[in-house]
PDB file of N, CA and C in Angstrom:
ATOM      1  N   UNK A   1       0.850  -1.163   0.000  1.00  0.00           N
ATOM      2  CA  UNK A   1       0.000   0.000   0.000  1.00  0.00           C
ATOM      3  C   UNK A   1       0.905   1.239   0.000  1.00  0.00           C
ATOM      4  N   UNK A   2       0.626   2.173  -0.852  1.00  0.00           N
ATOM      5  CA  UNK A   2       1.436   3.386  -0.991  1.00  0.00           C
ATOM      6  C   UNK A   2       0.594   4.602  -0.611  1.00  0.00           C
ATOM      7  N   UNK A   3       1.132   5.398   0.316  1.00  0.00           N
ATOM      8  CA  UNK A   3       0.501   6.650   0.732  1.00  0.00           C
ATOM      9  C   UNK A   3       1.416   7.803   0.314  1.00  0.00           C
ATOM     10  N   UNK A   4       0.812   8.937  -0.014  1.00  0.00           N
ATOM     11  CA  UNK A   4       1.608  10.106  -0.388  1.00  0.00           C
ATOM     12  C   UNK A   4       0.869  11.383   0.016  1.00  0.00           C
ATOM     13  N   UNK A   5       1.623  12.460   0.093  1.00  0.00           N
ATOM     14  CA  UNK A   5       1.012  13.750   0.398  1.00  0.00           C
ATOM     15  C   UNK A   5       1.797  14.855  -0.289  1.00  0.00           C
ATOM     16  N   UNK A   6       1.103  15.928  -0.610  1.00  0.00           N
ATOM     17  CA  UNK A   6       1.681  17.095  -1.250  1.00  0.00           C
ATOM     18  C   UNK A   6       1.289  18.326  -0.445  1.00  0.00           C
ATOM     19  N   UNK A   7       2.245  19.232  -0.265  1.00  0.00           N
ATOM     20  CA  UNK A   7       2.013  20.469   0.481  1.00  0.00           C
ATOM     21  C   UNK A   7       2.443  21.645  -0.376  1.00  0.00           C
ATOM     22  N   UNK A   8       1.674  22.720  -0.322  1.00  0.00           N
ATOM     23  CA  UNK A   8       2.025  23.959  -1.008  1.00  0.00           C
ATOM     24  C   UNK A   8       1.795  25.096  -0.028  1.00  0.00           C
ATOM     25  N   UNK A   9       2.870  25.844   0.272  1.00  0.00           N
ATOM     26  CA  UNK A   9       2.760  26.998   1.168  1.00  0.00           C
ATOM     27  C   UNK A   9       2.634  28.258   0.329  1.00  0.00           C
ATOM     28  N   UNK A  10       1.621  29.039   0.623  1.00  0.00           N
ATOM     29  CA  UNK A  10       1.360  30.297  -0.080  1.00  0.00           C
ATOM     30  C   UNK A  10       1.528  31.421   0.936  1.00  0.00           C
ATOM     31  N   UNK A  11       2.510  32.276   0.701  1.00  0.00           N
ATOM     32  CA  UNK A  11       2.774  33.378   1.625  1.00  0.00           C
ATOM     33  C   UNK A  11       1.814  34.527   1.322  1.00  0.00           C
ATOM     34  N   UNK A  12       1.057  34.948   2.315  1.00  0.00           N
ATOM     35  CA  UNK A  12       0.115  36.053   2.161  1.00  0.00           C
ATOM     36  C   UNK A  12       0.805  37.364   2.517  1.00  0.00           C
ATOM     37  N   UNK A  13       1.421  37.418   3.677  1.00  0.00           N
ATOM     38  CA  UNK A  13       2.271  38.553   4.074  1.00  0.00           C
ATOM     39  C   UNK A  13       3.332  38.014   5.028  1.00  0.00           C
ATOM     40  N   UNK A  14       4.024  38.874   5.741  1.00  0.00           N
ATOM     41  CA  UNK A  14       5.117  38.422   6.601  1.00  0.00           C
ATOM     42  C   UNK A  14       4.662  37.499   7.716  1.00  0.00           C
ATOM     43  N   UNK A  15       3.438  37.667   8.180  1.00  0.00           N
ATOM     44  CA  UNK A  15       2.971  36.888   9.319  1.00  0.00           C
ATOM     45  C   UNK A  15       1.972  35.796   8.943  1.00  0.00           C
ATOM     46  N   UNK A  16       1.357  35.887   7.798  1.00  0.00           N
ATOM     47  CA  UNK A  16       0.327  34.921   7.413  1.00  0.00           C
ATOM     48  C   UNK A  16       0.804  34.028   6.273  1.00  0.00           C
ATOM     49  N   UNK A  17       0.588  32.744   6.459  1.00  0.00           N
ATOM     50  CA  UNK A  17       0.849  31.752   5.416  1.00  0.00           C
ATOM     51  C   UNK A  17      -0.372  30.863   5.281  1.00  0.00           C
ATOM     52  N   UNK A  18      -0.654  30.455   4.067  1.00  0.00           N
ATOM     53  CA  UNK A  18      -1.739  29.539   3.785  1.00  0.00           C
ATOM     54  C   UNK A  18      -1.115  28.252   3.261  1.00  0.00           C
ATOM     55  N   UNK A  19      -1.490  27.133   3.840  1.00  0.00           N
ATOM     56  CA  UNK A  19      -0.939  25.852   3.409  1.00  0.00           C
ATOM     57  C   UNK A  19      -2.047  25.016   2.794  1.00  0.00           C
ATOM     58  N   UNK A  20      -1.815  24.530   1.576  1.00  0.00           N
ATOM     59  CA  UNK A  20      -2.736  23.614   0.901  1.00  0.00           C
ATOM     60  C   UNK A  20      -2.153  22.221   0.991  1.00  0.00           C
ATOM     61  N   UNK A  21      -2.976  21.247   1.371  1.00  0.00           N
ATOM     62  CA  UNK A  21      -2.535  19.854   1.495  1.00  0.00           C
ATOM     63  C   UNK A  21      -3.422  18.950   0.647  1.00  0.00           C
ATOM     64  N   UNK A  22      -2.786  18.006  -0.015  1.00  0.00           N
ATOM     65  CA  UNK A  22      -3.501  16.931  -0.702  1.00  0.00           C
ATOM     66  C   UNK A  22      -2.856  15.626  -0.258  1.00  0.00           C
ATOM     67  N   UNK A  23      -3.647  14.746   0.330  1.00  0.00           N
ATOM     68  CA  UNK A  23      -3.123  13.484   0.835  1.00  0.00           C
ATOM     69  C   UNK A  23      -3.888  12.328   0.195  1.00  0.00           C
ATOM     70  N   UNK A  24      -3.153  11.302  -0.193  1.00  0.00           N
ATOM     71  CA  UNK A  24      -3.753  10.127  -0.821  1.00  0.00           C
ATOM     72  C   UNK A  24      -3.287   8.878  -0.089  1.00  0.00           C
ATOM     73  N   UNK A  25      -4.238   8.039   0.252  1.00  0.00           N
ATOM     74  CA  UNK A  25      -3.951   6.782   0.939  1.00  0.00           C
ATOM     75  C   UNK A  25      -4.329   5.630   0.013  1.00  0.00           C
ATOM     76  N   UNK A  26      -3.467   4.612  -0.065  1.00  0.00           N
ATOM     77  CA  UNK A  26      -3.639   3.478  -0.979  1.00  0.00           C
ATOM     78  C   UNK A  26      -3.801   3.990  -2.411  1.00  0.00           C
ATOM     79  N   UNK A  27      -2.839   4.796  -2.828  1.00  0.00           N
ATOM     80  CA  UNK A  27      -2.936   5.531  -4.090  1.00  0.00           C
ATOM     81  C   UNK A  27      -3.068   4.621  -5.313  1.00  0.00           C
ATOM     82  N   UNK A  28      -2.495   3.421  -5.262  1.00  0.00           N
ATOM     83  CA  UNK A  28      -2.605   2.502  -6.393  1.00  0.00           C
ATOM     84  C   UNK A  28      -3.899   1.690  -6.360  1.00  0.00           C
ATOM     85  N   UNK A  29      -4.669   1.841  -5.288  1.00  0.00           N
ATOM     86  CA  UNK A  29      -5.947   1.148  -5.105  1.00  0.00           C
ATOM     87  C   UNK A  29      -5.773  -0.361  -5.200  1.00  0.00           C
ATOM     88  N   UNK A  30      -4.704  -0.865  -4.584  1.00  0.00           N
ATOM     89  CA  UNK A  30      -4.408  -2.290  -4.586  1.00  0.00           C
ATOM     90  C   UNK A  30      -5.287  -2.987  -3.555  1.00  0.00           C
ATOM     91  N   UNK A  31      -5.959  -4.035  -3.977  1.00  0.00           N
ATOM     92  CA  UNK A  31      -6.840  -4.780  -3.070  1.00  0.00           C
ATOM     93  C   UNK A  31      -6.027  -5.767  -2.250  1.00  0.00           C
ATOM     94  N   UNK A  32      -6.110  -5.672  -0.943  1.00  0.00           N
ATOM     95  CA  UNK A  32      -5.502  -6.638  -0.024  1.00  0.00           C
ATOM     96  C   UNK A  32      -6.651  -7.441   0.572  1.00  0.00           C
ATOM     97  N   UNK A  33      -6.788  -8.664   0.101  1.00  0.00           N
ATOM     98  CA  UNK A  33      -7.924  -9.483   0.503  1.00  0.00           C
ATOM     99  C   UNK A  33      -7.748 -10.057   1.899  1.00  0.00           C
ATOM    100  N   UNK A  34      -8.864 -10.190   2.608  1.00  0.00           N
ATOM    101  CA  UNK A  34      -8.866 -10.780   3.939  1.00  0.00           C
ATOM    102  C   UNK A  34      -8.775 -12.301   3.816  1.00  0.00           C
ATOM    103  N   UNK A  35      -8.677 -12.944   4.949  1.00  0.00           N
ATOM    104  CA  UNK A  35      -8.613 -14.409   4.976  1.00  0.00           C
ATOM    105  C   UNK A  35      -9.943 -14.995   4.493  1.00  0.00           C
ATOM    106  N   UNK A  36      -9.890 -16.112   3.781  1.00  0.00           N
ATOM    107  CA  UNK A  36     -11.144 -16.753   3.362  1.00  0.00           C
ATOM    108  C   UNK A  36     -11.862 -17.381   4.558  1.00  0.00           C
ATOM    109  N   UNK A  37     -13.145 -17.634   4.375  1.00  0.00           N
ATOM    110  CA  UNK A  37     -13.930 -18.261   5.438  1.00  0.00           C
ATOM    111  C   UNK A  37     -13.372 -19.627   5.779  1.00  0.00           C
ATOM    112  N   UNK A  38     -13.144 -19.899   7.077  1.00  0.00           N
ATOM    113  CA  UNK A  38     -12.503 -21.138   7.490  1.00  0.00           C
ATOM    114  C   UNK A  38     -13.471 -22.154   8.073  1.00  0.00           C
ATOM    115  N   UNK A  39     -14.728 -21.788   8.238  1.00  0.00           N
ATOM    116  CA  UNK A  39     -15.716 -22.716   8.790  1.00  0.00           C
ATOM    117  C   UNK A  39     -16.218 -23.601   7.654  1.00  0.00           C
ATOM    118  N   UNK A  40     -15.953 -24.904   7.768  1.00  0.00           N
ATOM    119  CA  UNK A  40     -16.374 -25.828   6.702  1.00  0.00           C
ATOM    120  C   UNK A  40     -17.715 -26.469   7.044  1.00  0.00           C
ATOM    121  N   UNK A  41     -17.874 -26.833   8.292  1.00  0.00           N
ATOM    122  CA  UNK A  41     -19.112 -27.477   8.715  1.00  0.00           C
ATOM    123  C   UNK A  41     -19.896 -26.564   9.632  1.00  0.00           C
ATOM    124  N   UNK A  42     -21.209 -26.524   9.414  1.00  0.00           N
ATOM    125  CA  UNK A  42     -22.124 -25.827  10.326  1.00  0.00           C
ATOM    126  C   UNK A  42     -23.159 -26.856  10.748  1.00  0.00           C
ATOM    127  N   UNK A  43     -22.965 -27.398  11.926  1.00  0.00           N
ATOM    128  CA  UNK A  43     -23.860 -28.467  12.382  1.00  0.00           C
ATOM    129  C   UNK A  43     -23.622 -29.714  11.546  1.00  0.00           C
ATOM    130  N   UNK A  44     -24.652 -30.167  10.852  1.00  0.00           N
ATOM    131  CA  UNK A  44     -24.558 -31.366  10.014  1.00  0.00           C
ATOM    132  C   UNK A  44     -24.392 -31.015   8.541  1.00  0.00           C
ATOM    133  N   UNK A  45     -24.307 -29.733   8.193  1.00  0.00           N
ATOM    134  CA  UNK A  45     -24.241 -29.303   6.792  1.00  0.00           C
ATOM    135  C   UNK A  45     -22.903 -28.639   6.491  1.00  0.00           C
ATOM    136  N   UNK A  46     -22.586 -28.582   5.206  1.00  0.00           N
ATOM    137  CA  UNK A  46     -21.410 -27.835   4.760  1.00  0.00           C
ATOM    138  C   UNK A  46     -21.736 -26.338   4.744  1.00  0.00           C
ATOM    139  N   UNK A  47     -20.760 -25.518   5.088  1.00  0.00           N
ATOM    140  CA  UNK A  47     -20.944 -24.069   5.053  1.00  0.00           C
ATOM    141  C   UNK A  47     -20.798 -23.577   3.609  1.00  0.00           C
ATOM    142  N   UNK A  48     -21.691 -22.730   3.166  1.00  0.00           N
ATOM    143  CA  UNK A  48     -21.622 -22.203   1.796  1.00  0.00           C
ATOM    144  C   UNK A  48     -20.524 -21.146   1.648  1.00  0.00           C
ATOM    145  N   UNK A  49     -20.008 -20.625   2.764  1.00  0.00           N
ATOM    146  CA  UNK A  49     -18.963 -19.603   2.689  1.00  0.00           C
ATOM    147  C   UNK A  49     -17.567 -20.160   2.978  1.00  0.00           C
ATOM    148  N   UNK A  50     -17.399 -21.463   3.020  1.00  0.00           N
ATOM    149  CA  UNK A  50     -16.092 -22.070   3.296  1.00  0.00           C
ATOM    150  C   UNK A  50     -15.139 -21.780   2.142  1.00  0.00           C
ATOM    151  N   UNK A  51     -14.009 -21.176   2.451  1.00  0.00           N
ATOM    152  CA  UNK A  51     -13.002 -20.883   1.431  1.00  0.00           C
ATOM    153  C   UNK A  51     -13.305 -19.682   0.560  1.00  0.00           C
ATOM    154  N   UNK A  52     -14.361 -18.943   0.844  1.00  0.00           N
ATOM    155  CA  UNK A  52     -14.768 -17.794   0.036  1.00  0.00           C
ATOM    156  C   UNK A  52     -14.234 -16.513   0.688  1.00  0.00           C
ATOM    157  N   UNK A  53     -13.629 -15.642  -0.109  1.00  0.00           N
ATOM    158  CA  UNK A  53     -13.158 -14.348   0.382  1.00  0.00           C
ATOM    159  C   UNK A  53     -14.309 -13.363   0.262  1.00  0.00           C
ATOM    160  N   UNK A  54     -14.721 -12.798   1.388  1.00  0.00           N
ATOM    161  CA  UNK A  54     -15.897 -11.923   1.396  1.00  0.00           C
ATOM    162  C   UNK A  54     -15.589 -10.468   1.718  1.00  0.00           C
ATOM    163  N   UNK A  55     -14.312 -10.142   2.011  1.00  0.00           N
ATOM    164  CA  UNK A  55     -13.991  -8.764   2.347  1.00  0.00           C
ATOM    165  C   UNK A  55     -12.526  -8.481   2.045  1.00  0.00           C
ATOM    166  N   UNK A  56     -12.142  -7.220   2.199  1.00  0.00           N
ATOM    167  CA  UNK A  56     -10.739  -6.826   2.029  1.00  0.00           C
ATOM    168  C   UNK A  56     -10.158  -6.454   3.387  1.00  0.00           C
ATOM    169  N   UNK A  57      -8.843  -6.562   3.503  1.00  0.00           N
ATOM    170  CA  UNK A  57      -8.175  -6.263   4.766  1.00  0.00           C
ATOM    171  C   UNK A  57      -7.897  -4.769   4.917  1.00  0.00           C
ATOM    172  N   UNK A  58      -7.815  -4.038   3.812  1.00  0.00           N
ATOM    173  CA  UNK A  58      -7.543  -2.603   3.857  1.00  0.00           C
ATOM    174  C   UNK A  58      -8.652  -1.849   3.137  1.00  0.00           C
ATOM    175  N   UNK A  59      -8.668  -0.547   3.329  1.00  0.00           N
ATOM    176  CA  UNK A  59      -9.683   0.279   2.684  1.00  0.00           C
ATOM    177  C   UNK A  59      -9.302   0.593   1.247  1.00  0.00           C
ATOM    178  N   UNK A  60     -10.243   1.079   0.491  1.00  0.00           N
ATOM    179  CA  UNK A  60      -9.983   1.484  -0.892  1.00  0.00           C
ATOM    180  C   UNK A  60      -9.265   2.836  -0.909  1.00  0.00           C
ATOM    181  N   UNK A  61      -8.946   3.331  -2.085  1.00  0.00           N
ATOM    182  CA  UNK A  61      -8.243   4.608  -2.218  1.00  0.00           C
ATOM    183  C   UNK A  61      -9.033   5.716  -1.539  1.00  0.00           C
ATOM    184  N   UNK A  62      -8.326   6.555  -0.787  1.00  0.00           N
ATOM    185  CA  UNK A  62      -8.943   7.688  -0.117  1.00  0.00           C
ATOM    186  C   UNK A  62      -8.117   8.934  -0.389  1.00  0.00           C
ATOM    187  N   UNK A  63      -8.799  10.023  -0.726  1.00  0.00           N
ATOM    188  CA  UNK A  63      -8.149  11.314  -0.966  1.00  0.00           C
ATOM    189  C   UNK A  63      -8.720  12.323   0.021  1.00  0.00           C
ATOM    190  N   UNK A  64      -7.860  13.204   0.509  1.00  0.00           N
ATOM    191  CA  UNK A  64      -8.359  14.292   1.362  1.00  0.00           C
ATOM    192  C   UNK A  64      -7.575  15.558   1.067  1.00  0.00           C
ATOM    193  N   UNK A  65      -8.278  16.674   1.138  1.00  0.00           N
ATOM    194  CA  UNK A  65      -7.708  17.986   0.850  1.00  0.00           C
ATOM    195  C   UNK A  65      -7.939  18.880   2.067  1.00  0.00           C
ATOM    196  N   UNK A  66      -7.002  19.802   2.312  1.00  0.00           N
ATOM    197  CA  UNK A  66      -7.145  20.687   3.463  1.00  0.00           C
ATOM    198  C   UNK A  66      -6.476  22.022   3.191  1.00  0.00           C
ATOM    199  N   UNK A  67      -6.999  23.072   3.797  1.00  0.00           N
ATOM    200  CA  UNK A  67      -6.395  24.393   3.834  1.00  0.00           C
ATOM    201  C   UNK A  67      -6.092  24.724   5.289  1.00  0.00           C
ATOM    202  N   UNK A  68      -4.900  25.257   5.526  1.00  0.00           N
ATOM    203  CA  UNK A  68      -4.487  25.576   6.882  1.00  0.00           C
ATOM    204  C   UNK A  68      -3.908  26.978   6.891  1.00  0.00           C
ATOM    205  N   UNK A  69      -4.419  27.811   7.767  1.00  0.00           N
ATOM    206  CA  UNK A  69      -3.925  29.181   7.901  1.00  0.00           C
ATOM    207  C   UNK A  69      -2.951  29.237   9.064  1.00  0.00           C
ATOM    208  N   UNK A  70      -1.707  29.601   8.773  1.00  0.00           N
ATOM    209  CA  UNK A  70      -0.661  29.690   9.783  1.00  0.00           C
ATOM    210  C   UNK A  70      -0.363  31.161  10.073  1.00  0.00           C
ATOM    211  N   UNK A  71      -0.423  31.527  11.353  1.00  0.00           N
ATOM    212  CA  UNK A  71      -0.158  32.912  11.723  1.00  0.00           C
ATOM    213  C   UNK A  71       0.747  32.980  12.916  1.00  0.00           C
TER     214      UNK A  71
END
């Protein structure tokens, strides 16, 4: 999983700065699958979810943007 961030500082005057941020998490959107279902028997029957992957271990790509005023 690859995360990255970009920052841009914009000087307004001697005392004020504006910072723009762009952050990306799981930028390649790579799927990390969770463990498959390990329950084979449920009572006297076979489990229909045995060996089936039903979820991912990590979240999908996320982007966030922010403005920060520094004084």
